[in-house]
Amino acid sequence: MQPRPRRPVNRTAGVPGAGWRPLAALCAVFLAGCTKEPVASFEVSVPWALTGRTLAIDTHTHTQFSDGSLSVEALAALAAEHGCDALAITDHTDHAVAATNEDYFAAVDAARQAHPSMTFFAGVEWNMPPYDGREHVTVLVEPRLERSVLPAFKAGFDGMQDAVDPAAALRWLAEQASPARSEVALIYNHPSRKDEQADENRLDYLQWREVNDLFIGFEGGPGHQRSGTPGAYRASIRPVDRWDPVVADTGGTWDQLLDQGQNVWGAIASSDFHEDRNDYAPCRFSRTIVTADSPDARGILRALRAGSFWAGHGRVLSNLWFIVAEPALPLPAAPGETVRLGPGAQPVFRVKVERSPEHLTLPLVVELIGNGLSGIPEQVARGELAPATDTFDWQPPQTLVAGADGRSAYFRARVTALDPKRGRLVAYTNPIRIVLAN
């Protein structure tokens, strides 16, 4: 996302850290007149990050148009019952299934008519070549592109065909999008499910991103959470607290990419719904909470591409905020944003939670993960939130240092609840990046 001026809108109502703002405004005016470069400024901003509408979405589900048990109509009703504001129907692209035919789009259009308050995507789950169906990618497009892009993509590039060139497929998808890329988003699903080596995901992602920039990141919280093996991970790599190790392992694939300066998102949790036995209904257990400037498909795609979302299991949290404040910043920074800090900057990191009504008595553990203290990814802070407490603040004990990219640091948050019946239930935010000025 390109840097853009931050609009002079009121973003204080209900926002954690709003109490810093009068002082921040005075400091910003003073510093602007006394220094050539401000102590703190935004390099990449998400204008709606603190004031946008929050939407519960599921980016990965299946119906009878591939190997799901329910019709589109029944799945849409189930998602609405469990509080989804947006639902992606992502049936497989195998030639043997009916996804992307006219009946598919007509069924999704009927769901839109039946549930006008919800946003629907008629997407697909792509068998990424040349893995013989081992690697899957969600392809989401703006509704106006569904009928023109998805059938042609399925016909030309499904990975179960012989001699399909993945680079050609990615280039073709990029050609269908505008330069802003706001109409298309690709998500690497259940990345470690069939892998034997942990580094496979990082190498795959870098290879794919080299061809185009449509990938937003990883499905960190894979589906099939109701099964005995969450995510259906039956190879040598298994989930950690129901999350893919790509996201859950401190210093793992996600952290390695962030350390290298890649802005990649992993706070995505989906149902991968096929049927009731192994899967929870959309938004019943796994939820991705997007903050968007509008609730329509384009607004949701913009938010996904910007990293303006968090995800969690068990519906322990109704909301989760992660911000970085500094007196010279006009507003706190939120996930997906990049701020530039000069010498003398005094950033404060804040995690604020809103527990759901049925989980008000659960204690929580907050962890900050990043590379800004030592230059390598690690846990940099930890705190416990008693049931009556909702905020964790942390100020770095030293000047921040850059990671492997030589110019920036990043930080992301993890919140864990120990539920007596369901065990550890974890939520993740996307990162905030800090460019360190000399």
Protein backbone atom coordinates (compact mmCIF):
# COMPACT_ATOMS: atom_id res chain seq x y z
CA MET A 1 0.00 0.00 0.00
CA GLN A 2 1.46 3.36 -0.99
CA PRO A 3 2.02 6.10 1.62
CA ARG A 4 -0.78 8.63 1.66
CA PRO A 5 -1.61 11.73 3.71
CA ARG A 6 -3.60 11.06 6.84
CA ARG A 7 -6.95 12.75 6.73
CA PRO A 8 -7.89 15.22 9.49
CA VAL A 9 -10.75 13.08 10.79
CA ASN A 10 -11.80 12.42 14.37
CA ARG A 11 -10.37 9.02 15.29
CA THR A 12 -10.47 9.40 19.06
CA ALA A 13 -13.85 7.97 20.02
CA GLY A 14 -13.37 4.64 21.75
CA VAL A 15 -9.77 4.28 20.57
CA PRO A 16 -7.14 3.05 23.02
CA GLY A 17 -4.44 5.62 23.50
CA ALA A 18 -6.69 8.59 22.70
CA GLY A 19 -5.49 10.33 25.86
CA TRP A 20 -2.07 10.87 24.28
CA ARG A 21 -3.44 12.96 21.46
CA PRO A 22 -3.63 16.51 22.87
CA LEU A 23 0.00 16.23 23.96
CA ALA A 24 0.91 14.59 20.64
CA ALA A 25 -0.57 17.47 18.68
CA LEU A 26 1.33 20.10 20.68
CA CYS A 27 4.57 18.16 20.40
CA ALA A 28 4.12 17.71 16.67
CA VAL A 29 3.67 21.45 16.13
CA PHE A 30 6.69 22.26 18.27
CA LEU A 31 8.94 19.65 16.67
CA ALA A 32 7.93 20.62 13.14
CA GLY A 33 9.30 24.09 13.69
CA CYS A 34 12.51 23.04 15.41
CA THR A 35 13.78 20.04 13.46
CA LYS A 36 14.36 19.20 9.83
CA GLU A 37 12.85 15.78 10.27
CA PRO A 38 10.14 14.96 12.82
CA VAL A 39 10.94 12.53 15.58
CA ALA A 40 8.07 10.35 14.37
CA SER A 41 6.00 10.24 11.20
CA PHE A 42 3.97 7.82 9.10
CA GLU A 43 5.51 6.12 6.07
CA VAL A 44 2.53 3.88 5.31
CA SER A 45 -0.87 4.70 6.73
CA VAL A 46 -4.21 2.95 6.73
CA PRO A 47 -6.61 5.90 7.05
CA TRP A 48 -9.46 3.81 8.49
CA ALA A 49 -7.30 1.73 10.84
CA LEU A 50 -8.77 3.11 14.07
CA THR A 51 -12.19 4.27 12.95
CA GLY A 52 -13.30 1.78 10.32
CA ARG A 53 -16.13 -0.68 10.70
CA THR A 54 -15.22 -4.04 12.26
CA LEU A 55 -16.49 -7.07 10.35
CA ALA A 56 -16.35 -10.79 11.19
CA ILE A 57 -15.41 -12.74 8.07
CA ASP A 58 -14.61 -16.29 6.95
CA THR A 59 -12.30 -16.45 3.93
CA HIS A 60 -12.37 -20.23 3.29
CA THR A 61 -15.48 -22.44 2.95
CA HIS A 62 -16.84 -25.18 0.67
CA THR A 63 -20.27 -26.20 -0.61
CA GLN A 64 -21.85 -28.91 -2.74
CA PHE A 65 -20.23 -27.27 -5.76
CA SER A 66 -17.07 -29.16 -4.74
CA ASP A 67 -16.64 -31.40 -1.69
CA GLY A 68 -18.84 -29.60 0.86
CA SER A 69 -22.00 -31.04 2.38
CA LEU A 70 -24.22 -27.96 2.20
CA SER A 71 -25.73 -25.87 -0.54
CA VAL A 72 -24.62 -22.26 -0.85
CA GLU A 73 -28.00 -21.23 0.56
CA ALA A 74 -27.64 -23.45 3.63
CA LEU A 75 -24.04 -22.41 4.27
CA ALA A 76 -24.96 -18.73 3.97
CA ALA A 77 -27.77 -19.19 6.52
CA LEU A 78 -25.38 -20.99 8.89
CA ALA A 79 -22.80 -18.20 8.58
CA ALA A 80 -25.45 -15.57 9.25
CA GLU A 81 -26.64 -17.49 12.30
CA HIS A 82 -23.14 -17.39 13.79
CA GLY A 83 -22.48 -13.72 13.16
CA CYS A 84 -20.52 -13.57 9.91
CA ASP A 85 -20.60 -10.15 8.26
CA ALA A 86 -18.82 -11.51 5.19
CA LEU A 87 -18.38 -14.99 3.74
CA ALA A 88 -16.16 -16.32 0.96
CA ILE A 89 -17.39 -19.40 -0.90
CA THR A 90 -14.13 -20.96 -2.09
CA ASP A 91 -14.90 -24.25 -3.79
CA HIS A 92 -12.08 -26.16 -5.44
CA THR A 93 -10.90 -25.56 -9.00
CA ASP A 94 -10.58 -29.23 -9.97
CA HIS A 95 -12.07 -29.81 -13.42
CA ALA A 96 -14.29 -32.55 -11.98
CA VAL A 97 -16.24 -30.08 -9.80
CA ALA A 98 -18.78 -27.47 -10.78
CA ALA A 99 -17.32 -24.38 -9.09
CA THR A 100 -17.20 -21.27 -11.31
CA ASN A 101 -20.01 -22.39 -13.64
CA GLU A 102 -23.08 -20.19 -14.03
CA ASP A 103 -25.02 -22.14 -11.40
CA TYR A 104 -22.24 -21.38 -8.90
CA PHE A 105 -22.44 -17.65 -9.43
CA ALA A 106 -26.25 -17.74 -9.48
CA ALA A 107 -26.26 -19.50 -6.11
CA VAL A 108 -23.97 -16.88 -4.59
CA ASP A 109 -26.10 -14.10 -6.09
CA ALA A 110 -29.16 -15.71 -4.49
CA ALA A 111 -27.37 -15.69 -1.13
CA ARG A 112 -26.69 -11.99 -1.60
CA GLN A 113 -30.40 -11.41 -2.15
CA ALA A 114 -31.40 -13.54 0.84
CA HIS A 115 -28.87 -11.91 3.21
CA PRO A 116 -28.49 -8.28 2.08
CA SER A 117 -26.61 -7.28 5.24
CA MET A 118 -23.79 -9.77 4.47
CA THR A 119 -21.03 -9.50 1.90
CA PHE A 120 -20.31 -12.57 -0.21
CA PHE A 121 -17.36 -13.56 -2.37
CA ALA A 122 -17.68 -16.23 -5.06
CA GLY A 123 -14.03 -17.22 -4.81
CA VAL A 124 -12.10 -20.43 -5.40
CA GLU A 125 -9.51 -22.56 -3.67
CA TRP A 126 -6.78 -23.04 -6.23
CA ASN A 127 -4.63 -26.17 -6.49
CA MET A 128 -1.33 -24.37 -6.75
CA PRO A 129 0.88 -25.97 -9.44
CA PRO A 130 3.12 -27.92 -9.55
CA TYR A 131 2.32 -29.56 -6.19
CA ASP A 132 -0.26 -32.15 -7.34
CA GLY A 133 -2.92 -30.61 -5.11
CA ARG A 134 -0.70 -30.39 -2.03
CA GLU A 135 -0.66 -26.57 -1.79
CA HIS A 136 -3.87 -24.53 -1.84
CA VAL A 137 -4.46 -20.82 -2.36
CA THR A 138 -7.66 -18.85 -1.84
CA VAL A 139 -8.41 -16.52 -4.76
CA LEU A 140 -10.75 -13.66 -3.87
CA VAL A 141 -11.86 -11.11 -6.44
CA GLU A 142 -14.26 -8.23 -6.46
CA PRO A 143 -17.76 -9.43 -7.48
CA ARG A 144 -17.70 -7.58 -10.78
CA LEU A 145 -14.71 -9.73 -11.82
CA GLU A 146 -16.09 -13.09 -10.67
CA ARG A 147 -17.67 -14.21 -13.93
CA SER A 148 -14.92 -12.87 -16.17
CA VAL A 149 -11.87 -13.99 -14.18
CA LEU A 150 -12.60 -17.15 -12.19
CA PRO A 151 -13.91 -19.51 -14.93
CA ALA A 152 -11.00 -18.64 -17.22
CA PHE A 153 -8.54 -19.04 -14.36
CA LYS A 154 -9.92 -22.46 -13.46
CA ALA A 155 -9.88 -23.63 -17.08
CA GLY A 156 -6.32 -22.51 -17.72
CA PHE A 157 -4.40 -22.90 -14.51
CA ASP A 158 -5.72 -25.55 -12.14
CA GLY A 159 -2.73 -27.28 -10.58
CA MET A 160 -4.07 -30.79 -11.11
CA GLN A 161 -3.47 -30.41 -14.83
CA ASP A 162 -0.18 -31.42 -16.41
CA ALA A 163 2.40 -28.79 -17.32
CA VAL A 164 0.68 -25.79 -15.71
CA ASP A 165 3.15 -22.96 -15.18
CA PRO A 166 2.49 -21.30 -11.78
CA ALA A 167 4.33 -18.15 -12.82
CA ALA A 168 2.12 -17.81 -15.88
CA ALA A 169 -0.97 -18.25 -13.71
CA LEU A 170 0.17 -15.56 -11.28
CA ARG A 171 1.08 -13.19 -14.10
CA TRP A 172 -2.32 -13.72 -15.69
CA LEU A 173 -4.11 -12.92 -12.44
CA ALA A 174 -2.06 -9.77 -12.00
CA GLU A 175 -3.06 -8.64 -15.50
CA GLN A 176 -6.73 -8.81 -14.49
CA ALA A 177 -6.21 -6.39 -11.61
CA SER A 178 -5.63 -2.67 -11.66
CA PRO A 179 -2.24 -1.25 -10.64
CA ALA A 180 -3.69 -0.62 -7.18
CA ARG A 181 -4.41 -4.38 -6.83
CA SER A 182 -7.54 -3.54 -4.83
CA GLU A 183 -9.73 -6.09 -6.65
CA VAL A 184 -7.77 -9.31 -5.97
CA ALA A 185 -6.29 -11.01 -2.89
CA LEU A 186 -4.52 -14.38 -2.61
CA ILE A 187 -4.15 -16.29 0.68
CA TYR A 188 -1.80 -19.26 1.20
CA ASN A 189 -4.09 -21.78 2.93
CA HIS A 190 -3.11 -24.21 5.75
CA PRO A 191 0.52 -23.70 4.66
CA SER A 192 2.29 -26.45 6.66
CA ARG A 193 -0.40 -29.14 6.45
CA LYS A 194 1.42 -31.45 4.04
CA ASP A 195 4.98 -30.15 4.38
CA GLU A 196 7.98 -32.11 5.63
CA GLN A 197 10.35 -29.14 6.08
CA ALA A 198 9.47 -25.92 7.91
CA ASP A 199 11.33 -23.74 5.41
CA GLU A 200 9.18 -24.84 2.46
CA ASN A 201 6.55 -22.19 3.16
CA ARG A 202 9.01 -19.30 3.27
CA LEU A 203 10.66 -20.33 0.01
CA ASP A 204 7.31 -20.88 -1.71
CA TYR A 205 5.97 -17.52 -0.59
CA LEU A 206 9.06 -15.63 -1.72
CA GLN A 207 8.95 -17.38 -5.09
CA TRP A 208 5.29 -16.54 -5.62
CA ARG A 209 5.63 -12.95 -4.44
CA GLU A 210 8.48 -12.46 -6.88
CA VAL A 211 6.00 -13.02 -9.73
CA ASN A 212 3.23 -10.74 -8.45
CA ASP A 213 2.14 -8.86 -5.35
CA LEU A 214 -1.36 -10.30 -5.03
CA PHE A 215 -0.49 -12.56 -2.08
CA ILE A 216 -1.45 -10.95 1.23
CA GLY A 217 -0.08 -13.75 3.40
CA PHE A 218 -0.91 -16.97 5.25
CA GLU A 219 -4.01 -18.60 6.67
CA GLY A 220 -2.41 -18.79 10.10
CA GLY A 221 -5.44 -20.37 11.76
CA PRO A 222 -6.41 -23.29 9.49
CA GLY A 223 -9.86 -24.88 9.48
CA HIS A 224 -11.09 -28.32 10.55
CA GLN A 225 -10.82 -27.16 14.17
CA ARG A 226 -13.50 -29.56 15.32
CA SER A 227 -11.52 -32.63 14.31
CA GLY A 228 -9.17 -34.60 16.52
CA THR A 229 -6.28 -33.14 14.54
CA PRO A 230 -6.92 -29.40 14.07
CA GLY A 231 -6.33 -28.33 10.50
CA ALA A 232 -6.11 -31.98 9.38
CA TYR A 233 -2.32 -31.73 9.78
CA ARG A 234 -1.20 -35.34 9.52
CA ALA A 235 2.36 -34.95 8.20
CA SER A 236 5.41 -34.25 10.36
CA ILE A 237 4.50 -30.62 11.06
CA ARG A 238 1.59 -30.07 13.46
CA PRO A 239 -0.32 -26.99 14.66
CA VAL A 240 0.67 -25.14 17.82
CA ASP A 241 -2.34 -24.18 19.92
CA ARG A 242 -4.48 -24.80 16.82
CA TRP A 243 -2.40 -22.37 14.72
CA ASP A 244 -0.05 -23.20 11.87
CA PRO A 245 3.61 -23.06 13.01
CA VAL A 246 4.20 -20.50 10.26
CA VAL A 247 2.44 -18.02 12.57
CA ALA A 248 2.64 -19.66 15.99
CA ASP A 249 6.38 -20.33 16.17
CA THR A 250 8.32 -17.33 17.42
CA GLY A 251 11.10 -16.92 14.89
CA GLY A 252 9.26 -19.12 12.37
CA THR A 253 8.37 -18.44 8.76
CA TRP A 254 6.22 -15.37 9.38
CA ASP A 255 8.82 -13.77 11.64
CA GLN A 256 11.61 -14.55 9.18
CA LEU A 257 9.74 -12.82 6.35
CA LEU A 258 8.88 -9.83 8.53
CA ASP A 259 12.50 -9.64 9.68
CA GLN A 260 13.58 -9.42 6.04
CA GLY A 261 11.30 -6.42 5.52
CA GLN A 262 8.39 -8.25 3.87
CA ASN A 263 4.97 -6.88 4.78
CA VAL A 264 3.03 -10.13 4.98
CA TRP A 265 -0.03 -10.92 7.06
CA GLY A 266 -0.75 -14.09 9.03
CA ALA A 267 -3.63 -13.17 11.36
CA ILE A 268 -6.22 -15.10 9.35
CA ALA A 269 -8.39 -17.82 10.92
CA SER A 270 -10.98 -19.65 8.82
CA SER A 271 -13.35 -22.60 9.17
CA ASP A 272 -12.46 -24.37 5.90
CA PHE A 273 -16.01 -25.62 6.32
CA HIS A 274 -16.92 -28.87 4.54
CA GLU A 275 -19.24 -30.59 7.03
CA ASP A 276 -20.24 -30.57 10.69
CA ARG A 277 -18.20 -33.53 11.91
CA ASN A 278 -14.75 -31.94 11.55
CA ASP A 279 -15.60 -28.28 11.05
CA TYR A 280 -17.21 -25.52 13.04
CA ALA A 281 -19.70 -23.31 11.26
CA PRO A 282 -18.28 -20.12 9.72
CA CYS A 283 -17.57 -17.53 12.45
CA ARG A 284 -18.64 -19.91 15.23
CA PHE A 285 -15.13 -20.76 16.43
CA SER A 286 -12.59 -19.22 14.03
CA ARG A 287 -13.02 -15.56 13.16
CA THR A 288 -11.04 -12.99 11.27
CA ILE A 289 -12.01 -9.46 12.31
CA VAL A 290 -11.40 -6.91 9.57
CA THR A 291 -11.42 -3.16 10.10
CA ALA A 292 -12.57 -1.68 6.79
CA ASP A 293 -13.59 1.70 5.47
CA SER A 294 -16.72 0.13 3.96
CA PRO A 295 -18.48 -3.22 4.46
CA ASP A 296 -18.70 -4.06 0.76
CA ALA A 297 -16.38 -6.45 -1.08
CA ARG A 298 -13.99 -3.77 -2.26
CA GLY A 299 -13.65 -2.34 1.25
CA ILE A 300 -12.95 -5.80 2.67
CA LEU A 301 -10.36 -6.53 -0.02
CA ARG A 302 -8.66 -3.20 0.69
CA ALA A 303 -8.53 -4.06 4.39
CA LEU A 304 -7.14 -7.54 3.73
CA ARG A 305 -4.43 -6.16 1.49
CA ALA A 306 -3.59 -3.45 4.04
CA GLY A 307 -3.26 -5.87 6.98
CA SER A 308 -6.06 -4.15 8.88
CA PHE A 309 -7.35 -7.23 10.70
CA TRP A 310 -6.77 -9.69 13.55
CA ALA A 311 -7.98 -13.24 14.17
CA GLY A 312 -8.75 -15.55 17.04
CA HIS A 313 -10.25 -18.86 18.15
CA GLY A 314 -13.09 -19.58 20.52
CA ARG A 315 -14.67 -16.12 20.34
CA VAL A 316 -12.92 -15.18 23.58
CA LEU A 317 -12.37 -11.60 22.38
CA SER A 318 -14.95 -9.28 20.89
CA ASN A 319 -12.19 -6.91 19.85
CA LEU A 320 -8.43 -6.61 20.01
CA TRP A 321 -6.41 -3.45 19.50
CA PHE A 322 -2.65 -3.20 19.06
CA ILE A 323 -1.12 0.26 18.66
CA VAL A 324 2.15 2.13 18.88
CA ALA A 325 1.98 5.69 20.20
CA GLU A 326 4.69 8.35 20.27
CA PRO A 327 4.18 11.99 21.34
CA ALA A 328 5.24 13.32 17.92
CA LEU A 329 2.79 11.11 16.03
CA PRO A 330 -0.56 12.77 15.33
CA LEU A 331 -2.27 9.39 15.88
CA PRO A 332 -1.21 5.98 17.15
CA ALA A 333 -0.10 3.45 14.54
CA ALA A 334 -2.10 0.26 14.03
CA PRO A 335 -1.37 -3.11 12.36
CA GLY A 336 -0.52 -2.78 8.70
CA GLU A 337 0.94 0.69 9.19
CA THR A 338 4.58 1.77 9.08
CA VAL A 339 5.99 4.60 11.15
CA ARG A 340 9.36 6.27 10.97
CA LEU A 341 11.07 7.00 14.29
CA GLY A 342 14.10 9.23 14.66
CA PRO A 343 16.62 9.57 17.49
CA GLY A 344 14.96 10.42 20.76
CA ALA A 345 11.65 8.78 19.90
CA GLN A 346 9.80 7.27 22.85
CA PRO A 347 7.32 4.71 21.50
CA VAL A 348 4.78 3.07 23.75
CA PHE A 349 3.14 -0.20 22.71
CA ARG A 350 -0.38 -0.92 23.87
CA VAL A 351 -2.55 -4.02 23.61
CA LYS A 352 -6.17 -3.51 24.62
CA VAL A 353 -8.74 -6.30 24.69
CA GLU A 354 -12.50 -6.46 24.85
CA ARG A 355 -13.64 -9.84 26.17
CA SER A 356 -16.85 -11.34 24.88
CA PRO A 357 -19.68 -11.39 27.47
CA GLU A 358 -19.33 -15.12 28.14
CA HIS A 359 -15.58 -14.84 28.79
CA LEU A 360 -15.38 -11.86 31.13
CA THR A 361 -13.77 -13.91 33.91
CA LEU A 362 -10.97 -15.44 31.83
CA PRO A 363 -7.43 -14.24 32.59
CA LEU A 364 -5.31 -13.52 29.52
CA VAL A 365 -1.62 -13.55 28.65
CA VAL A 366 -0.32 -10.88 26.28
CA GLU A 367 2.94 -11.33 24.38
CA LEU A 368 4.73 -8.98 22.02
CA ILE A 369 6.90 -10.61 19.37
CA GLY A 370 9.39 -8.65 17.29
CA ASN A 371 12.99 -8.02 16.35
CA GLY A 372 13.47 -4.47 17.63
CA LEU A 373 15.48 -5.23 20.79
CA SER A 374 18.18 -7.59 19.55
CA GLY A 375 17.75 -7.48 15.78
CA ILE A 376 16.35 -11.03 15.67
CA PRO A 377 12.74 -12.22 16.14
CA GLU A 378 11.92 -13.06 19.75
CA GLN A 379 9.39 -12.48 22.49
CA VAL A 380 10.15 -8.96 23.67
CA ALA A 381 7.45 -8.51 26.32
CA ARG A 382 4.90 -10.50 28.28
CA GLY A 383 2.14 -9.57 30.68
CA GLU A 384 -0.89 -11.07 32.37
CA LEU A 385 -4.32 -9.49 32.30
CA ALA A 386 -6.52 -10.34 35.26
CA PRO A 387 -10.25 -10.59 34.51
CA ALA A 388 -10.84 -6.96 35.51
CA THR A 389 -7.91 -5.70 33.41
CA ASP A 390 -8.05 -4.98 29.69
CA THR A 391 -4.84 -3.09 28.83
CA PHE A 392 -1.16 -3.99 28.58
CA ASP A 393 1.43 -1.24 27.99
CA TRP A 394 5.10 -1.69 27.20
CA GLN A 395 7.89 0.81 26.54
CA PRO A 396 11.13 -0.58 25.08
CA PRO A 397 13.94 -0.45 27.65
CA GLN A 398 16.45 0.63 25.01
CA THR A 399 16.76 2.24 21.62
CA LEU A 400 15.24 0.05 18.94
CA VAL A 401 17.48 -1.67 16.42
CA ALA A 402 16.86 -2.86 12.86
CA GLY A 403 16.39 -6.46 11.82
CA ALA A 404 17.74 -8.36 8.82
CA ASP A 405 16.57 -5.73 6.33
CA GLY A 406 18.93 -3.19 7.93
CA ARG A 407 16.38 -0.39 8.17
CA SER A 408 13.33 -1.43 10.20
CA ALA A 409 11.91 -3.36 13.11
CA TYR A 410 8.48 -4.97 13.46
CA PHE A 411 6.22 -6.00 16.33
CA ARG A 412 3.11 -8.19 16.50
CA ALA A 413 0.88 -9.28 19.38
CA ARG A 414 -0.42 -12.61 20.66
CA VAL A 415 -3.18 -12.94 23.28
CA THR A 416 -3.81 -16.32 24.94
CA ALA A 417 -6.69 -17.42 27.14
CA LEU A 418 -6.62 -20.67 29.11
CA ASP A 419 -10.18 -21.94 28.89
CA PRO A 420 -10.90 -24.68 31.48
CA LYS A 421 -12.89 -26.70 28.93
CA ARG A 422 -11.23 -25.93 25.61
CA GLY A 423 -7.61 -25.38 26.55
CA ARG A 424 -5.46 -22.59 25.11
CA LEU A 425 -7.33 -20.24 22.79
CA VAL A 426 -5.11 -17.79 20.95
CA ALA A 427 -5.57 -14.57 18.97
CA TYR A 428 -3.00 -12.81 16.79
CA THR A 429 -2.64 -9.32 15.38
CA ASN A 430 -0.79 -8.36 12.26
CA PRO A 431 2.46 -6.41 12.73
CA ILE A 432 3.30 -2.75 12.95
CA ARG A 433 6.56 -1.85 11.21
CA ILE A 434 8.96 0.83 12.50
CA VAL A 435 11.55 2.36 10.18
CA LEU A 436 14.52 3.60 12.18
CA ALA A 437 15.87 6.94 10.98
CA ASN A 438 19.46 7.97 11.67
